[in-house]
Amino acid sequence: MSSFRDLLRSITPQFLLNRYREQKKEAARSSIAAQREAGEGWSKETLQQQLNKIGIVEGDTLLVHSSLSKIGFVEGGPQAVIDALLAAVGNSGHVLMPNSPNAGYQLEYIRQLDVFDVANAPSSLGIITELFRKHPKAHRSVSPTEPVSCIGPNAVDFVTEHFGEETPYTSKSPFYKVAAADGKILYIGVTLANAGTSLHVLEDAVEAFKFPVYYPELFSVKVKLETGEEKTVQTKVHNPEWSAKRRCDELIPLFEKMGAFQKVTIGNAPTLLVDARKMLDVMLNEYEQRGVTMYTPNGSD
């Protein structure tokens, strides 16, 4: 299904895609307004109750991707969603959110990037992620393409080693560390097709990944640290030719079958609750045994 959507997207004129997206946004705004007027919205407390009900507990490590509009009307807006997540994991837990300044192809972004300003570069991944990265307790990783912010007692440990890695998904990345910490991933109102960052961990975890998913050029990028100091880092970016071949959502049935994914609901949003370590183990095993990747979800010889 996702590959058909990708094909349809590729042959549809951009102005029609823009019109369709705007219509979807208007429909979402109308639905949220109707909820608000009917007094049927969600509060920080009710969202926290839902999170606890699906198994988010004190001390959890939680990587979150989200769409506020899919949740519906929330009293207190996106800040209430953040507060509910933090309350659900408690003072001993950790919440992480990717907040890349880039929502498109990495190659186009990196070619026009002057400097990645860690403290000020805004997130392009939604208002929840933008407020989260600006939270006074949040620590943001120094990755020009895939920064992640974390709040929790060991937040620095989750993000500090991201600095200087040539690719953003290595064993030193927050994405890998969530799995290593037996953490969980929440896809609230989004799916792997538009928030499948953790799938890339496989590509850096195996020796000589079978597809050339990285563009051959190594880029030198300036980063401005929170101290104001500027450094230069080397980074690879994804090859857009291979990015266009992703079929991420076709992996969901496999992850469900292997017990790594559960389908739940947060607010009004269809949500995937993921066992991060099990997801990584399934990816590694299925890659070695059957050649399964996001580019070949049914395996290959």
Protein backbone atom coordinates (compact mmCIF):
# COMPACT_ATOMS: atom_id res chain seq x y z
CA MET A 1 0.00 0.00 0.00
CA SER A 2 2.74 2.48 0.92
CA SER A 3 4.62 1.77 -2.32
CA PHE A 4 1.42 2.53 -4.29
CA ARG A 5 1.07 5.80 -2.38
CA ASP A 6 4.68 6.64 -3.17
CA LEU A 7 4.06 5.92 -6.87
CA LEU A 8 0.91 8.04 -6.87
CA ARG A 9 2.79 10.84 -5.13
CA SER A 10 5.59 10.71 -7.71
CA ILE A 11 3.25 11.18 -10.70
CA THR A 12 0.95 13.81 -9.15
CA PRO A 13 1.72 17.48 -9.93
CA GLN A 14 3.07 19.39 -6.94
CA PHE A 15 0.24 21.94 -6.92
CA LEU A 16 -2.30 19.12 -6.55
CA LEU A 17 -0.29 17.56 -3.73
CA ASN A 18 -0.17 20.93 -1.97
CA ARG A 19 -3.91 21.39 -2.41
CA TYR A 20 -4.61 17.91 -1.05
CA ARG A 21 -2.39 18.50 1.98
CA GLU A 22 -4.05 21.83 2.71
CA GLN A 23 -7.49 20.19 2.49
CA LYS A 24 -6.37 17.55 4.97
CA LYS A 25 -5.07 20.23 7.34
CA GLU A 26 -8.34 22.17 7.08
CA ALA A 27 -10.35 19.02 7.80
CA ALA A 28 -8.18 18.36 10.86
CA ARG A 29 -8.62 21.94 12.09
CA SER A 30 -12.40 21.66 11.68
CA SER A 31 -12.48 18.38 13.57
CA ILE A 32 -10.42 19.81 16.43
CA ALA A 33 -12.65 22.89 16.62
CA ALA A 34 -15.74 20.67 16.78
CA GLN A 35 -14.18 18.66 19.61
CA ARG A 36 -13.38 21.83 21.52
CA GLU A 37 -16.90 23.21 21.15
CA ALA A 38 -18.40 19.90 22.25
CA GLY A 39 -16.13 19.70 25.29
CA GLU A 40 -14.73 16.39 24.09
CA GLY A 41 -11.02 17.17 24.18
CA TRP A 42 -8.14 15.64 26.07
CA SER A 43 -6.27 16.96 29.08
CA LYS A 44 -2.78 16.29 30.36
CA GLU A 45 -4.34 13.98 32.96
CA THR A 46 -6.41 11.93 30.50
CA LEU A 47 -3.46 11.58 28.14
CA GLN A 48 -1.27 10.41 31.02
CA GLN A 49 -3.92 7.86 31.97
CA GLN A 50 -3.91 6.54 28.40
CA LEU A 51 -0.13 6.31 28.41
CA ASN A 52 -0.17 4.37 31.68
CA LYS A 53 -2.92 2.10 30.36
CA ILE A 54 -0.87 1.04 27.33
CA GLY A 55 2.11 0.22 29.55
CA ILE A 56 4.21 3.39 29.88
CA VAL A 57 5.50 3.32 33.45
CA GLU A 58 7.80 5.13 35.87
CA GLY A 59 11.41 4.83 34.75
CA ASP A 60 10.70 4.11 31.09
CA THR A 61 12.88 5.41 28.29
CA LEU A 62 10.58 6.69 25.57
CA LEU A 63 11.40 7.93 22.06
CA VAL A 64 8.41 9.84 20.69
CA HIS A 65 7.26 10.76 17.18
CA SER A 66 3.94 12.60 17.05
CA SER A 67 1.27 14.53 15.18
CA LEU A 68 -0.68 16.97 17.36
CA SER A 69 -3.56 17.25 14.89
CA LYS A 70 -4.12 13.48 14.96
CA ILE A 71 -4.43 13.52 18.76
CA GLY A 72 -7.34 15.95 18.51
CA PHE A 73 -8.19 18.88 20.74
CA VAL A 74 -5.88 19.01 23.78
CA GLU A 75 -6.53 21.38 26.66
CA GLY A 76 -3.23 23.18 27.07
CA GLY A 77 -2.10 22.38 23.55
CA PRO A 78 1.20 20.70 22.71
CA GLN A 79 2.72 21.54 26.10
CA ALA A 80 0.08 19.35 27.74
CA VAL A 81 1.17 16.42 25.54
CA ILE A 82 4.78 16.93 26.62
CA ASP A 83 3.76 17.20 30.27
CA ALA A 84 1.75 13.98 30.01
CA LEU A 85 4.70 12.10 28.53
CA LEU A 86 7.07 13.37 31.21
CA ALA A 87 4.60 12.54 33.97
CA ALA A 88 4.09 9.03 32.61
CA VAL A 89 7.81 8.15 32.82
CA GLY A 90 8.31 10.06 36.07
CA ASN A 91 11.45 11.65 37.47
CA SER A 92 13.53 8.52 36.88
CA GLY A 93 12.49 8.09 33.25
CA HIS A 94 13.56 9.65 29.96
CA VAL A 95 11.68 11.15 27.04
CA LEU A 96 13.46 11.71 23.73
CA MET A 97 12.23 13.44 20.57
CA PRO A 98 13.94 13.81 17.19
CA ASN A 99 13.80 17.45 16.08
CA SER A 100 15.61 17.78 12.78
CA PRO A 101 15.59 21.22 11.11
CA ASN A 102 15.06 19.32 7.87
CA ALA A 103 11.84 17.59 6.81
CA GLY A 104 12.96 16.75 3.28
CA TYR A 105 15.85 14.98 1.59
CA GLN A 106 19.09 15.28 3.55
CA LEU A 107 21.17 15.97 0.44
CA GLU A 108 19.21 19.09 -0.50
CA TYR A 109 19.31 20.31 3.09
CA ILE A 110 23.03 19.77 3.68
CA ARG A 111 24.02 21.49 0.43
CA GLN A 112 22.38 24.74 1.51
CA LEU A 113 23.26 24.54 5.22
CA ASP A 114 25.57 27.31 6.43
CA VAL A 115 25.79 26.31 10.10
CA PHE A 116 23.77 24.06 12.40
CA ASP A 117 23.02 26.16 15.49
CA VAL A 118 22.30 23.64 18.24
CA ALA A 119 20.52 26.11 20.53
CA ASN A 120 18.43 27.90 17.93
CA ALA A 121 17.85 25.80 14.80
CA PRO A 122 14.09 25.10 14.91
CA SER A 123 12.57 21.67 14.48
CA SER A 124 10.74 20.91 11.25
CA LEU A 125 9.00 17.89 12.77
CA GLY A 126 5.98 19.53 14.38
CA ILE A 127 5.10 21.89 17.20
CA ILE A 128 5.40 19.23 19.92
CA THR A 129 9.04 18.59 19.01
CA GLU A 130 9.79 22.31 18.79
CA LEU A 131 8.44 23.02 22.27
CA PHE A 132 10.21 19.94 23.62
CA ARG A 133 13.63 20.99 22.29
CA LYS A 134 13.14 24.43 23.89
CA HIS A 135 12.22 22.92 27.28
CA PRO A 136 14.64 24.20 29.96
CA LYS A 137 15.51 20.64 30.98
CA ALA A 138 16.09 19.33 27.44
CA HIS A 139 19.53 18.42 26.13
CA ARG A 140 19.91 18.41 22.33
CA SER A 141 22.38 16.25 20.46
CA VAL A 142 24.89 17.86 18.11
CA SER A 143 23.93 16.20 14.84
CA PRO A 144 23.34 18.53 11.88
CA THR A 145 20.94 16.13 10.15
CA GLU A 146 19.21 14.14 12.92
CA PRO A 147 19.38 15.96 16.29
CA VAL A 148 17.50 14.45 19.21
CA SER A 149 16.55 16.12 22.49
CA CYS A 150 16.23 14.27 25.78
CA ILE A 151 14.82 15.06 29.21
CA GLY A 152 15.66 12.83 32.16
CA PRO A 153 18.34 12.20 34.81
CA ASN A 154 20.79 10.68 32.29
CA ALA A 155 19.80 12.85 29.32
CA VAL A 156 23.37 13.89 28.57
CA ASP A 157 24.42 10.24 28.24
CA PHE A 158 21.77 9.66 25.59
CA VAL A 159 22.78 12.61 23.40
CA THR A 160 26.42 13.59 23.98
CA GLU A 161 28.11 10.94 21.80
CA HIS A 162 26.03 11.89 18.78
CA PHE A 163 28.54 14.70 18.19
CA GLY A 164 31.18 13.90 15.54
CA GLU A 165 29.60 10.71 14.17
CA GLU A 166 29.78 10.51 10.37
CA THR A 167 26.32 8.96 10.27
CA PRO A 168 23.49 9.73 12.72
CA TYR A 169 22.39 6.15 13.52
CA THR A 170 25.50 4.47 14.96
CA SER A 171 25.79 2.68 18.29
CA LYS A 172 26.62 6.08 19.83
CA SER A 173 23.36 7.63 18.61
CA PRO A 174 20.25 8.23 20.72
CA PHE A 175 18.32 5.96 18.36
CA TYR A 176 20.54 2.98 19.17
CA LYS A 177 20.82 3.86 22.86
CA VAL A 178 17.05 3.75 23.28
CA ALA A 179 17.13 0.13 22.12
CA ALA A 180 20.15 -0.66 24.30
CA ALA A 181 18.28 0.76 27.31
CA ASP A 182 15.27 -1.52 26.66
CA GLY A 183 13.31 1.58 25.77
CA LYS A 184 10.07 2.07 23.90
CA ILE A 185 9.11 4.07 20.83
CA LEU A 186 5.76 5.78 20.35
CA TYR A 187 4.48 6.71 16.91
CA ILE A 188 1.50 8.90 17.87
CA GLY A 189 -0.58 9.59 14.77
CA VAL A 190 2.36 8.83 12.47
CA THR A 191 3.85 5.64 11.03
CA LEU A 192 7.20 4.34 9.84
CA ALA A 193 6.56 5.92 6.44
CA ASN A 194 6.93 9.44 7.83
CA ALA A 195 8.84 8.82 11.07
CA GLY A 196 10.88 5.65 10.59
CA THR A 197 14.20 7.07 11.75
CA SER A 198 15.00 4.09 13.98
CA LEU A 199 14.94 1.79 10.96
CA HIS A 200 18.22 3.36 9.84
CA VAL A 201 20.01 1.88 12.87
CA LEU A 202 20.18 -1.40 10.94
CA GLU A 203 22.17 0.24 8.14
CA ASP A 204 24.94 1.28 10.54
CA ALA A 205 24.76 -1.80 12.77
CA VAL A 206 25.80 -4.32 10.10
CA GLU A 207 29.07 -4.48 8.22
CA ALA A 208 28.79 -3.40 4.58
CA PHE A 209 25.03 -2.84 4.33
CA LYS A 210 23.87 -4.33 1.05
CA PHE A 211 22.47 -1.12 -0.50
CA PRO A 212 24.29 2.21 -1.14
CA VAL A 213 21.89 4.23 1.00
CA TYR A 214 24.44 6.96 1.71
CA TYR A 215 25.43 9.55 -0.87
CA PRO A 216 29.11 9.03 -1.80
CA GLU A 217 30.24 12.55 -0.84
CA LEU A 218 31.35 13.27 2.72
CA PHE A 219 30.25 16.77 3.79
CA SER A 220 32.03 19.18 6.12
CA VAL A 221 29.49 21.07 8.21
CA LYS A 222 29.85 23.87 10.75
CA VAL A 223 28.03 23.40 14.03
CA LYS A 224 27.55 26.12 16.62
CA LEU A 225 27.51 24.68 20.12
CA GLU A 226 25.34 26.04 22.93
CA THR A 227 28.48 27.71 24.31
CA GLY A 228 28.75 29.72 21.08
CA GLU A 229 31.87 27.85 19.98
CA GLU A 230 31.91 26.69 16.36
CA LYS A 231 33.22 23.30 15.27
CA THR A 232 33.42 21.50 11.95
CA VAL A 233 32.11 17.95 11.64
CA GLN A 234 32.07 15.43 8.83
CA THR A 235 28.77 13.83 7.92
CA LYS A 236 27.22 11.54 5.38
CA VAL A 237 23.67 11.99 4.14
CA HIS A 238 21.16 9.65 2.58
CA ASN A 239 21.18 9.10 -1.15
CA PRO A 240 17.83 10.48 -2.40
CA GLU A 241 17.73 7.79 -5.07
CA TRP A 242 17.48 5.18 -2.34
CA SER A 243 15.33 7.30 -0.04
CA ALA A 244 12.66 7.21 -2.75
CA LYS A 245 12.71 3.40 -2.64
CA ARG A 246 11.73 3.05 1.01
CA ARG A 247 8.68 0.90 1.78
CA CYS A 248 8.72 1.35 5.53
CA ASP A 249 5.11 0.62 6.45
CA GLU A 250 5.27 -2.75 4.71
CA LEU A 251 7.45 -3.85 7.63
CA ILE A 252 4.71 -3.26 10.21
CA PRO A 253 3.03 -6.69 9.83
CA LEU A 254 6.40 -8.40 10.42
CA PHE A 255 7.08 -6.36 13.56
CA GLU A 256 3.57 -7.13 14.83
CA LYS A 257 3.99 -10.85 14.15
CA MET A 258 7.30 -10.89 16.05
CA GLY A 259 5.81 -9.06 19.04
CA ALA A 260 7.76 -5.82 18.61
CA PHE A 261 4.76 -3.61 17.75
CA GLN A 262 1.35 -3.06 19.32
CA LYS A 263 -1.42 -0.92 17.86
CA VAL A 264 -2.91 1.38 20.52
CA THR A 265 -4.58 4.81 20.70
CA ILE A 266 -3.44 8.08 22.29
CA GLY A 267 -6.12 10.76 22.24
CA ASN A 268 -7.76 10.19 18.87
CA ALA A 269 -4.51 9.15 17.24
CA PRO A 270 -3.79 5.64 15.99
CA THR A 271 -0.48 4.86 17.67
CA LEU A 272 2.27 2.27 17.42
CA LEU A 273 3.85 1.19 20.71
CA VAL A 274 7.25 -0.34 19.99
CA ASP A 275 9.69 -2.44 21.99
CA ALA A 276 12.86 -0.76 20.70
CA ARG A 277 15.27 -3.60 21.48
CA LYS A 278 12.98 -6.22 19.97
CA MET A 279 12.50 -4.06 16.88
CA LEU A 280 16.28 -3.84 16.39
CA ASP A 281 16.73 -7.57 17.02
CA VAL A 282 14.03 -8.39 14.47
CA MET A 283 15.65 -6.09 11.91
CA LEU A 284 19.09 -7.66 12.43
CA ASN A 285 17.83 -11.24 12.35
CA GLU A 286 15.56 -10.76 9.35
CA TYR A 287 18.30 -8.94 7.45
CA GLU A 288 20.79 -11.75 8.06
CA GLN A 289 18.31 -14.56 7.42
CA ARG A 290 16.17 -13.21 4.59
CA GLY A 291 17.61 -9.88 3.42
CA VAL A 292 14.69 -7.89 4.85
CA THR A 293 15.14 -4.10 4.82
CA MET A 294 12.91 -1.07 4.40
CA TYR A 295 13.81 -1.30 0.70
CA THR A 296 13.06 -5.03 0.49
CA PRO A 297 10.35 -5.65 3.13
CA ASN A 298 9.58 -9.10 1.73
CA GLY A 299 13.23 -10.14 1.71
CA SER A 300 15.62 -10.86 -1.12
CA ASP A 301 18.04 -13.53 -2.24
